């Protein structure tokens, strides 16, 4: 594993709040604000808070050092992010979004639409959403070509996969096209692609291969919220450099940042 994520006697060697995301060249905070809790069909727990409240919460998270927003076409949160960007320096905000396209032309159209919806010249990371096929590098090749094209034109900084099966995760960990992997991980194995002891070695391989890895389902889709410190510490003490967590209140933002800052106080 990389120096930035090695665990020594239960503590991370790199104590910085900021960490390079693999070989992407993107420096990210340890926590990303997830806007897709129970999200699908252009809606999520975050967007259902109401437009102004969701925007306010995103800005509150930014003030607490969570300058990275994780979105997807299906979450309906692009307009909220666009509003956030009106009052912030674009260069200081990291945006991930995801597409569900299955053709090259649709992917091209989606990327251009995302840029307009977000009112930005570029998106930091665009991932193929909910990939489950072990052979995705073949079946999704047209979409990969569209994403590579967008990356070459500067519309996207990094590309990758949001994995929803252990076979897709294994493929992603070694595939040269992948810059970023979003993987399900928590201490209980809840809503994961496999048990933690099955998933972690794959993620270790990905990190060794220079992939930017970050975790989702840290709270097991809500099932592990009873002990947030245990959930957050597990991910980071397993050597995963960053995580995205869906939050729906200022109290949750403060709580999660406080827990992570115990591990990463610098920066």
C-alpha atoms as a PDB file:
ATOM      1  CA  UNK A   1       0.000   0.000   0.000  1.00  0.00           C
ATOM      2  CA  UNK A   2       1.101   3.577  -0.486  1.00  0.00           C
ATOM      3  CA  UNK A   3       2.874   5.494   2.239  1.00  0.00           C
ATOM      4  CA  UNK A   4      -0.111   7.807   2.487  1.00  0.00           C
ATOM      5  CA  UNK A   5      -2.351   4.999   3.656  1.00  0.00           C
ATOM      6  CA  UNK A   6      -0.141   2.574   5.576  1.00  0.00           C
ATOM      7  CA  UNK A   7      -1.301   1.678   9.069  1.00  0.00           C
ATOM      8  CA  UNK A   8       1.310   1.530  11.825  1.00  0.00           C
ATOM      9  CA  UNK A   9       0.125   0.468  15.278  1.00  0.00           C
ATOM     10  CA  UNK A  10      -3.409   1.545  14.470  1.00  0.00           C
ATOM     11  CA  UNK A  11      -2.462   5.017  13.253  1.00  0.00           C
ATOM     12  CA  UNK A  12      -2.060   6.280   9.726  1.00  0.00           C
ATOM     13  CA  UNK A  13       1.483   7.241   8.792  1.00  0.00           C
ATOM     14  CA  UNK A  14       0.251  10.269   6.848  1.00  0.00           C
ATOM     15  CA  UNK A  15      -1.674  12.423   9.322  1.00  0.00           C
ATOM     16  CA  UNK A  16      -2.727  15.035   6.798  1.00  0.00           C
ATOM     17  CA  UNK A  17      -6.370  15.878   6.117  1.00  0.00           C
ATOM     18  CA  UNK A  18      -5.362  16.173   2.469  1.00  0.00           C
ATOM     19  CA  UNK A  19      -4.213  13.172   0.461  1.00  0.00           C
ATOM     20  CA  UNK A  20      -3.291  12.537  -3.187  1.00  0.00           C
ATOM     21  CA  UNK A  21      -5.963  10.360  -4.777  1.00  0.00           C
ATOM     22  CA  UNK A  22      -3.821   7.670  -6.354  1.00  0.00           C
ATOM     23  CA  UNK A  23      -2.006   8.845  -9.468  1.00  0.00           C
ATOM     24  CA  UNK A  24      -4.780  11.226 -10.546  1.00  0.00           C
ATOM     25  CA  UNK A  25      -2.902  14.346  -9.490  1.00  0.00           C
ATOM     26  CA  UNK A  26      -5.985  15.381  -7.498  1.00  0.00           C
ATOM     27  CA  UNK A  27      -5.522  16.312  -3.840  1.00  0.00           C
ATOM     28  CA  UNK A  28      -8.652  15.489  -1.852  1.00  0.00           C
ATOM     29  CA  UNK A  29      -9.835  15.858   1.746  1.00  0.00           C
ATOM     30  CA  UNK A  30     -10.286  12.598   3.629  1.00  0.00           C
ATOM     31  CA  UNK A  31     -14.061  13.007   3.604  1.00  0.00           C
ATOM     32  CA  UNK A  32     -16.337  13.615   0.653  1.00  0.00           C
ATOM     33  CA  UNK A  33     -19.912  14.770   1.037  1.00  0.00           C
ATOM     34  CA  UNK A  34     -22.166  12.140  -0.527  1.00  0.00           C
ATOM     35  CA  UNK A  35     -25.351  13.493  -2.100  1.00  0.00           C
ATOM     36  CA  UNK A  36     -26.857  10.101  -2.939  1.00  0.00           C
ATOM     37  CA  UNK A  37     -28.238   8.611   0.274  1.00  0.00           C
ATOM     38  CA  UNK A  38     -31.149   6.422  -0.828  1.00  0.00           C
ATOM     39  CA  UNK A  39     -30.626   8.115  -4.150  1.00  0.00           C
ATOM     40  CA  UNK A  40     -32.082   7.129  -7.490  1.00  0.00           C
ATOM     41  CA  UNK A  41     -34.539   8.541 -10.017  1.00  0.00           C
ATOM     42  CA  UNK A  42     -33.152  12.106  -9.708  1.00  0.00           C
ATOM     43  CA  UNK A  43     -33.715  12.266  -5.972  1.00  0.00           C
ATOM     44  CA  UNK A  44     -31.906  11.472  -2.718  1.00  0.00           C
ATOM     45  CA  UNK A  45     -32.169  12.089   1.012  1.00  0.00           C
ATOM     46  CA  UNK A  46     -30.018  15.179   0.499  1.00  0.00           C
ATOM     47  CA  UNK A  47     -32.058  16.712  -2.325  1.00  0.00           C
ATOM     48  CA  UNK A  48     -35.292  15.855  -0.508  1.00  0.00           C
ATOM     49  CA  UNK A  49     -34.202  18.249   2.242  1.00  0.00           C
ATOM     50  CA  UNK A  50     -35.230  20.985  -0.165  1.00  0.00           C
ATOM     51  CA  UNK A  51     -33.068  23.018  -2.517  1.00  0.00           C
ATOM     52  CA  UNK A  52     -32.000  25.771  -0.120  1.00  0.00           C
ATOM     53  CA  UNK A  53     -31.368  23.418   2.800  1.00  0.00           C
ATOM     54  CA  UNK A  54     -29.273  21.035   0.705  1.00  0.00           C
ATOM     55  CA  UNK A  55     -27.190  23.935  -0.625  1.00  0.00           C
ATOM     56  CA  UNK A  56     -26.783  25.321   2.890  1.00  0.00           C
ATOM     57  CA  UNK A  57     -25.598  21.946   4.145  1.00  0.00           C
ATOM     58  CA  UNK A  58     -23.069  21.589   1.332  1.00  0.00           C
ATOM     59  CA  UNK A  59     -21.686  25.037   2.150  1.00  0.00           C
ATOM     60  CA  UNK A  60     -21.545  24.147   5.841  1.00  0.00           C
ATOM     61  CA  UNK A  61     -19.580  21.010   4.996  1.00  0.00           C
ATOM     62  CA  UNK A  62     -17.192  23.098   2.899  1.00  0.00           C
ATOM     63  CA  UNK A  63     -16.587  25.407   5.859  1.00  0.00           C
ATOM     64  CA  UNK A  64     -15.645  22.338   7.911  1.00  0.00           C
ATOM     65  CA  UNK A  65     -13.094  21.165   5.348  1.00  0.00           C
ATOM     66  CA  UNK A  66     -15.239  18.836   3.220  1.00  0.00           C
ATOM     67  CA  UNK A  67     -14.495  20.446  -0.120  1.00  0.00           C
ATOM     68  CA  UNK A  68     -15.256  17.318  -2.153  1.00  0.00           C
ATOM     69  CA  UNK A  69     -18.818  16.586  -3.315  1.00  0.00           C
ATOM     70  CA  UNK A  70     -19.841  13.165  -4.607  1.00  0.00           C
ATOM     71  CA  UNK A  71     -22.796  13.189  -6.977  1.00  0.00           C
ATOM     72  CA  UNK A  72     -24.380  11.206  -9.798  1.00  0.00           C
ATOM     73  CA  UNK A  73     -26.831  11.853 -12.586  1.00  0.00           C
ATOM     74  CA  UNK A  74     -29.420   9.742 -10.759  1.00  0.00           C
ATOM     75  CA  UNK A  75     -29.207  11.744  -7.513  1.00  0.00           C
ATOM     76  CA  UNK A  76     -30.584  14.993  -8.929  1.00  0.00           C
ATOM     77  CA  UNK A  77     -27.958  17.016  -7.063  1.00  0.00           C
ATOM     78  CA  UNK A  78     -26.208  18.767  -9.962  1.00  0.00           C
ATOM     79  CA  UNK A  79     -28.345  21.940  -9.614  1.00  0.00           C
ATOM     80  CA  UNK A  80     -27.483  22.110  -5.912  1.00  0.00           C
ATOM     81  CA  UNK A  81     -23.773  21.843  -6.643  1.00  0.00           C
ATOM     82  CA  UNK A  82     -24.102  24.509  -9.312  1.00  0.00           C
ATOM     83  CA  UNK A  83     -25.607  26.846  -6.725  1.00  0.00           C
ATOM     84  CA  UNK A  84     -22.791  26.055  -4.280  1.00  0.00           C
ATOM     85  CA  UNK A  85     -20.189  26.908  -6.907  1.00  0.00           C
ATOM     86  CA  UNK A  86     -21.665  30.392  -7.318  1.00  0.00           C
ATOM     87  CA  UNK A  87     -20.187  31.424  -3.972  1.00  0.00           C
ATOM     88  CA  UNK A  88     -16.970  29.401  -3.973  1.00  0.00           C
ATOM     89  CA  UNK A  89     -13.720  29.288  -5.912  1.00  0.00           C
ATOM     90  CA  UNK A  90     -14.196  26.477  -8.447  1.00  0.00           C
ATOM     91  CA  UNK A  91     -10.549  25.462  -8.108  1.00  0.00           C
ATOM     92  CA  UNK A  92     -11.089  24.755  -4.403  1.00  0.00           C
ATOM     93  CA  UNK A  93     -14.045  22.406  -4.912  1.00  0.00           C
ATOM     94  CA  UNK A  94     -13.659  18.793  -6.044  1.00  0.00           C
ATOM     95  CA  UNK A  95     -16.613  17.265  -7.867  1.00  0.00           C
ATOM     96  CA  UNK A  96     -17.265  13.624  -8.632  1.00  0.00           C
ATOM     97  CA  UNK A  97     -20.270  12.556 -10.649  1.00  0.00           C
ATOM     98  CA  UNK A  98     -21.360   9.343 -12.313  1.00  0.00           C
ATOM     99  CA  UNK A  99     -23.099   8.339 -15.508  1.00  0.00           C
ATOM    100  CA  UNK A 100     -25.271   5.363 -16.392  1.00  0.00           C
ATOM    101  CA  UNK A 101     -24.781   5.581 -20.167  1.00  0.00           C
ATOM    102  CA  UNK A 102     -24.198   2.368 -22.063  1.00  0.00           C
ATOM    103  CA  UNK A 103     -23.285   3.827 -25.458  1.00  0.00           C
ATOM    104  CA  UNK A 104     -20.536   6.149 -26.631  1.00  0.00           C
ATOM    105  CA  UNK A 105     -22.884   8.792 -27.980  1.00  0.00           C
ATOM    106  CA  UNK A 106     -25.036   8.787 -24.847  1.00  0.00           C
ATOM    107  CA  UNK A 107     -21.940   9.137 -22.682  1.00  0.00           C
ATOM    108  CA  UNK A 108     -20.747  12.075 -24.794  1.00  0.00           C
ATOM    109  CA  UNK A 109     -24.134  13.757 -24.465  1.00  0.00           C
ATOM    110  CA  UNK A 110     -24.277  13.091 -20.729  1.00  0.00           C
ATOM    111  CA  UNK A 111     -20.858  14.625 -20.091  1.00  0.00           C
ATOM    112  CA  UNK A 112     -21.792  17.788 -21.972  1.00  0.00           C
ATOM    113  CA  UNK A 113     -25.093  17.942 -20.110  1.00  0.00           C
ATOM    114  CA  UNK A 114     -23.319  17.510 -16.778  1.00  0.00           C
ATOM    115  CA  UNK A 115     -21.009  20.416 -17.576  1.00  0.00           C
ATOM    116  CA  UNK A 116     -24.016  22.617 -18.295  1.00  0.00           C
ATOM    117  CA  UNK A 117     -25.978  21.456 -15.260  1.00  0.00           C
ATOM    118  CA  UNK A 118     -22.991  22.144 -13.010  1.00  0.00           C
ATOM    119  CA  UNK A 119     -22.039  25.319 -14.926  1.00  0.00           C
ATOM    120  CA  UNK A 120     -18.378  24.356 -14.955  1.00  0.00           C
ATOM    121  CA  UNK A 121     -15.673  23.935 -17.570  1.00  0.00           C
ATOM    122  CA  UNK A 122     -14.499  20.637 -16.107  1.00  0.00           C
ATOM    123  CA  UNK A 123     -15.454  17.863 -13.712  1.00  0.00           C
ATOM    124  CA  UNK A 124     -12.769  16.407 -11.488  1.00  0.00           C
ATOM    125  CA  UNK A 125     -13.948  12.788 -11.697  1.00  0.00           C
ATOM    126  CA  UNK A 126     -16.581  11.013 -13.770  1.00  0.00           C
ATOM    127  CA  UNK A 127     -17.256   7.376 -12.948  1.00  0.00           C
ATOM    128  CA  UNK A 128     -19.281   4.680 -14.662  1.00  0.00           C
ATOM    129  CA  UNK A 129     -22.090   4.059 -12.190  1.00  0.00           C
ATOM    130  CA  UNK A 130     -23.088   0.771 -10.541  1.00  0.00           C
ATOM    131  CA  UNK A 131     -20.813  -1.505 -12.548  1.00  0.00           C
ATOM    132  CA  UNK A 132     -21.379  -5.204 -11.783  1.00  0.00           C
ATOM    133  CA  UNK A 133     -20.052  -7.062 -14.830  1.00  0.00           C
ATOM    134  CA  UNK A 134     -16.637  -8.717 -14.481  1.00  0.00           C
ATOM    135  CA  UNK A 135     -16.204  -8.098 -18.218  1.00  0.00           C
ATOM    136  CA  UNK A 136     -17.114  -4.411 -18.035  1.00  0.00           C
ATOM    137  CA  UNK A 137     -13.889  -3.440 -19.827  1.00  0.00           C
ATOM    138  CA  UNK A 138     -15.354  -5.148 -22.901  1.00  0.00           C
ATOM    139  CA  UNK A 139     -19.053  -4.439 -22.538  1.00  0.00           C
ATOM    140  CA  UNK A 140     -18.495  -0.812 -21.503  1.00  0.00           C
ATOM    141  CA  UNK A 141     -15.734  -0.050 -23.999  1.00  0.00           C
ATOM    142  CA  UNK A 142     -17.786   2.552 -25.937  1.00  0.00           C
ATOM    143  CA  UNK A 143     -18.447   4.478 -22.707  1.00  0.00           C
ATOM    144  CA  UNK A 144     -14.796   4.208 -21.722  1.00  0.00           C
ATOM    145  CA  UNK A 145     -13.836   5.671 -25.105  1.00  0.00           C
ATOM    146  CA  UNK A 146     -16.181   8.633 -24.565  1.00  0.00           C
ATOM    147  CA  UNK A 147     -14.744   9.250 -21.101  1.00  0.00           C
ATOM    148  CA  UNK A 148     -11.175   9.023 -22.389  1.00  0.00           C
ATOM    149  CA  UNK A 149     -12.092  11.479 -25.126  1.00  0.00           C
ATOM    150  CA  UNK A 150     -13.529  13.898 -22.542  1.00  0.00           C
ATOM    151  CA  UNK A 151     -10.420  13.497 -20.417  1.00  0.00           C
ATOM    152  CA  UNK A 152      -8.217  14.258 -23.409  1.00  0.00           C
ATOM    153  CA  UNK A 153     -10.173  17.446 -24.077  1.00  0.00           C
ATOM    154  CA  UNK A 154      -9.911  18.576 -20.460  1.00  0.00           C
ATOM    155  CA  UNK A 155     -13.605  18.199 -19.656  1.00  0.00           C
ATOM    156  CA  UNK A 156     -12.772  15.505 -17.089  1.00  0.00           C
ATOM    157  CA  UNK A 157      -9.640  15.132 -14.971  1.00  0.00           C
ATOM    158  CA  UNK A 158      -9.996  11.477 -13.969  1.00  0.00           C
ATOM    159  CA  UNK A 159     -12.207   8.536 -14.920  1.00  0.00           C
ATOM    160  CA  UNK A 160     -13.145   5.314 -13.246  1.00  0.00           C
ATOM    161  CA  UNK A 161     -15.713   2.943 -11.862  1.00  0.00           C
ATOM    162  CA  UNK A 162     -18.275   2.794  -9.070  1.00  0.00           C
ATOM    163  CA  UNK A 163     -18.212  -0.920  -8.282  1.00  0.00           C
ATOM    164  CA  UNK A 164     -21.180  -2.999  -7.140  1.00  0.00           C
ATOM    165  CA  UNK A 165     -19.796  -6.530  -7.409  1.00  0.00           C
ATOM    166  CA  UNK A 166     -16.588  -8.167  -6.279  1.00  0.00           C
ATOM    167  CA  UNK A 167     -15.852  -9.383  -9.810  1.00  0.00           C
ATOM    168  CA  UNK A 168     -16.135  -5.847 -11.205  1.00  0.00           C
ATOM    169  CA  UNK A 169     -13.937  -4.628  -8.357  1.00  0.00           C
ATOM    170  CA  UNK A 170     -11.242  -7.184  -9.167  1.00  0.00           C
ATOM    171  CA  UNK A 171     -11.214  -6.115 -12.810  1.00  0.00           C
ATOM    172  CA  UNK A 172     -11.034  -2.448 -11.817  1.00  0.00           C
ATOM    173  CA  UNK A 173      -8.115  -2.958  -9.439  1.00  0.00           C
ATOM    174  CA  UNK A 174      -5.828  -4.016 -12.282  1.00  0.00           C
ATOM    175  CA  UNK A 175      -7.199  -2.309 -15.378  1.00  0.00           C
ATOM    176  CA  UNK A 176      -4.907   0.425 -16.761  1.00  0.00           C
ATOM    177  CA  UNK A 177      -7.829   2.611 -17.887  1.00  0.00           C
ATOM    178  CA  UNK A 178      -9.094   3.101 -14.323  1.00  0.00           C
ATOM    179  CA  UNK A 179      -7.953   6.211 -12.454  1.00  0.00           C
ATOM    180  CA  UNK A 180     -10.491   6.058  -9.610  1.00  0.00           C
ATOM    181  CA  UNK A 181     -12.440   3.307  -7.848  1.00  0.00           C
ATOM    182  CA  UNK A 182     -15.424   3.902  -5.584  1.00  0.00           C
ATOM    183  CA  UNK A 183     -15.927   0.766  -3.484  1.00  0.00           C
ATOM    184  CA  UNK A 184     -18.355  -0.350  -0.788  1.00  0.00           C
ATOM    185  CA  UNK A 185     -16.625  -0.912   2.542  1.00  0.00           C
ATOM    186  CA  UNK A 186     -17.576  -1.133   6.207  1.00  0.00           C
ATOM    187  CA  UNK A 187     -16.628  -3.248   9.209  1.00  0.00           C
ATOM    188  CA  UNK A 188     -19.800  -5.377   9.114  1.00  0.00           C
ATOM    189  CA  UNK A 189     -19.911  -6.249   5.410  1.00  0.00           C
ATOM    190  CA  UNK A 190     -23.355  -4.645   5.214  1.00  0.00           C
ATOM    191  CA  UNK A 191     -24.446  -3.798   1.652  1.00  0.00           C
ATOM    192  CA  UNK A 192     -20.963  -4.683   0.397  1.00  0.00           C
ATOM    193  CA  UNK A 193     -19.725  -6.748  -2.542  1.00  0.00           C
ATOM    194  CA  UNK A 194     -18.174  -9.266  -0.163  1.00  0.00           C
ATOM    195  CA  UNK A 195     -16.865  -9.533   3.356  1.00  0.00           C
ATOM    196  CA  UNK A 196     -14.251  -6.954   4.414  1.00  0.00           C
ATOM    197  CA  UNK A 197     -11.498  -9.603   4.381  1.00  0.00           C
ATOM    198  CA  UNK A 198     -12.401 -10.350   0.751  1.00  0.00           C
ATOM    199  CA  UNK A 199     -12.678  -6.746  -0.411  1.00  0.00           C
ATOM    200  CA  UNK A 200      -9.692  -5.191   1.365  1.00  0.00           C
ATOM    201  CA  UNK A 201      -6.970  -7.227  -0.427  1.00  0.00           C
ATOM    202  CA  UNK A 202      -8.480  -6.137  -3.755  1.00  0.00           C
ATOM    203  CA  UNK A 203      -8.407  -2.506  -2.689  1.00  0.00           C
ATOM    204  CA  UNK A 204      -4.817  -2.908  -1.511  1.00  0.00           C
ATOM    205  CA  UNK A 205      -3.941  -4.165  -5.000  1.00  0.00           C
ATOM    206  CA  UNK A 206      -5.714  -1.185  -6.543  1.00  0.00           C
ATOM    207  CA  UNK A 207      -3.790   1.253  -4.344  1.00  0.00           C
ATOM    208  CA  UNK A 208      -0.495  -0.435  -5.199  1.00  0.00           C
ATOM    209  CA  UNK A 209      -1.444  -0.031  -8.854  1.00  0.00           C
ATOM    210  CA  UNK A 210      -1.866   3.713  -8.399  1.00  0.00           C
ATOM    211  CA  UNK A 211      -5.650   3.784  -8.409  1.00  0.00           C
ATOM    212  CA  UNK A 212      -7.396   6.486  -6.448  1.00  0.00           C
ATOM    213  CA  UNK A 213      -9.585   4.513  -4.050  1.00  0.00           C
ATOM    214  CA  UNK A 214     -12.326   5.896  -1.855  1.00  0.00           C
ATOM    215  CA  UNK A 215     -14.999   4.102   0.153  1.00  0.00           C
ATOM    216  CA  UNK A 216     -18.775   4.324   0.181  1.00  0.00           C
ATOM    217  CA  UNK A 217     -21.406   2.595   2.357  1.00  0.00           C
ATOM    218  CA  UNK A 218     -19.200   3.391   5.366  1.00  0.00           C
ATOM    219  CA  UNK A 219     -22.319   3.255   7.560  1.00  0.00           C
ATOM    220  CA  UNK A 220     -23.743   0.250   5.698  1.00  0.00           C
ATOM    221  CA  UNK A 221     -26.521   2.331   4.123  1.00  0.00           C
ATOM    222  CA  UNK A 222     -27.520   3.561   7.571  1.00  0.00           C
ATOM    223  CA  UNK A 223     -27.348   0.269   9.429  1.00  0.00           C
ATOM    224  CA  UNK A 224     -24.131   1.149  11.266  1.00  0.00           C
ATOM    225  CA  UNK A 225     -24.922   4.724  12.310  1.00  0.00           C
ATOM    226  CA  UNK A 226     -25.243   3.633  15.946  1.00  0.00           C
ATOM    227  CA  UNK A 227     -21.439   3.730  16.203  1.00  0.00           C
ATOM    228  CA  UNK A 228     -20.136   6.271  13.676  1.00  0.00           C
ATOM    229  CA  UNK A 229     -16.661   6.401  15.195  1.00  0.00           C
ATOM    230  CA  UNK A 230     -16.147   2.680  14.775  1.00  0.00           C
ATOM    231  CA  UNK A 231     -17.411   2.841  11.193  1.00  0.00           C
ATOM    232  CA  UNK A 232     -15.206   5.743  10.138  1.00  0.00           C
ATOM    233  CA  UNK A 233     -12.116   4.524  11.950  1.00  0.00           C
ATOM    234  CA  UNK A 234     -12.446   1.081  10.372  1.00  0.00           C
ATOM    235  CA  UNK A 235     -12.234   2.463   6.852  1.00  0.00           C
ATOM    236  CA  UNK A 236      -9.231   4.675   7.505  1.00  0.00           C
ATOM    237  CA  UNK A 237      -7.415   2.238   9.734  1.00  0.00           C
ATOM    238  CA  UNK A 238      -7.814  -0.326   6.958  1.00  0.00           C
ATOM    239  CA  UNK A 239      -5.623   1.897   4.804  1.00  0.00           C
ATOM    240  CA  UNK A 240      -8.266   3.451   2.557  1.00  0.00           C
ATOM    241  CA  UNK A 241      -7.227   7.057   1.937  1.00  0.00           C
ATOM    242  CA  UNK A 242     -10.665   8.670   1.613  1.00  0.00           C
ATOM    243  CA  UNK A 243     -14.384   8.047   2.012  1.00  0.00           C
ATOM    244  CA  UNK A 244     -17.686   9.540   0.941  1.00  0.00           C
ATOM    245  CA  UNK A 245     -20.474   9.743   3.496  1.00  0.00           C
ATOM    246  CA  UNK A 246     -24.026  10.934   2.953  1.00  0.00           C
ATOM    247  CA  UNK A 247     -25.023  13.510   5.561  1.00  0.00           C
ATOM    248  CA  UNK A 248     -28.371  15.171   6.116  1.00  0.00           C
ATOM    249  CA  UNK A 249     -27.717  17.578   8.986  1.00  0.00           C
ATOM    250  CA  UNK A 250     -25.133  19.992  10.301  1.00  0.00           C
ATOM    251  CA  UNK A 251     -24.795  17.782  13.388  1.00  0.00           C
ATOM    252  CA  UNK A 252     -23.785  14.835  11.196  1.00  0.00           C
ATOM    253  CA  UNK A 253     -21.244  16.968   9.351  1.00  0.00           C
ATOM    254  CA  UNK A 254     -19.640  18.120  12.600  1.00  0.00           C
ATOM    255  CA  UNK A 255     -19.703  14.625  14.068  1.00  0.00           C
ATOM    256  CA  UNK A 256     -18.059  12.946  11.086  1.00  0.00           C
ATOM    257  CA  UNK A 257     -15.437  15.637  10.644  1.00  0.00           C
ATOM    258  CA  UNK A 258     -14.564  15.467  14.353  1.00  0.00           C
ATOM    259  CA  UNK A 259     -14.082  11.697  14.153  1.00  0.00           C
ATOM    260  CA  UNK A 260     -11.921  11.892  11.035  1.00  0.00           C
ATOM    261  CA  UNK A 261      -9.904  14.805  12.401  1.00  0.00           C
ATOM    262  CA  UNK A 262      -8.811  12.618  15.303  1.00  0.00           C
ATOM    263  CA  UNK A 263      -6.980  10.516  12.732  1.00  0.00           C
ATOM    264  CA  UNK A 264      -6.002  13.332  10.394  1.00  0.00           C
ATOM    265  CA  UNK A 265      -5.487  16.527  12.415  1.00  0.00           C
ATOM    266  CA  UNK A 266      -3.004  18.172  10.062  1.00  0.00           C
ATOM    267  CA  UNK A 267      -3.942  20.406   7.187  1.00  0.00           C
END
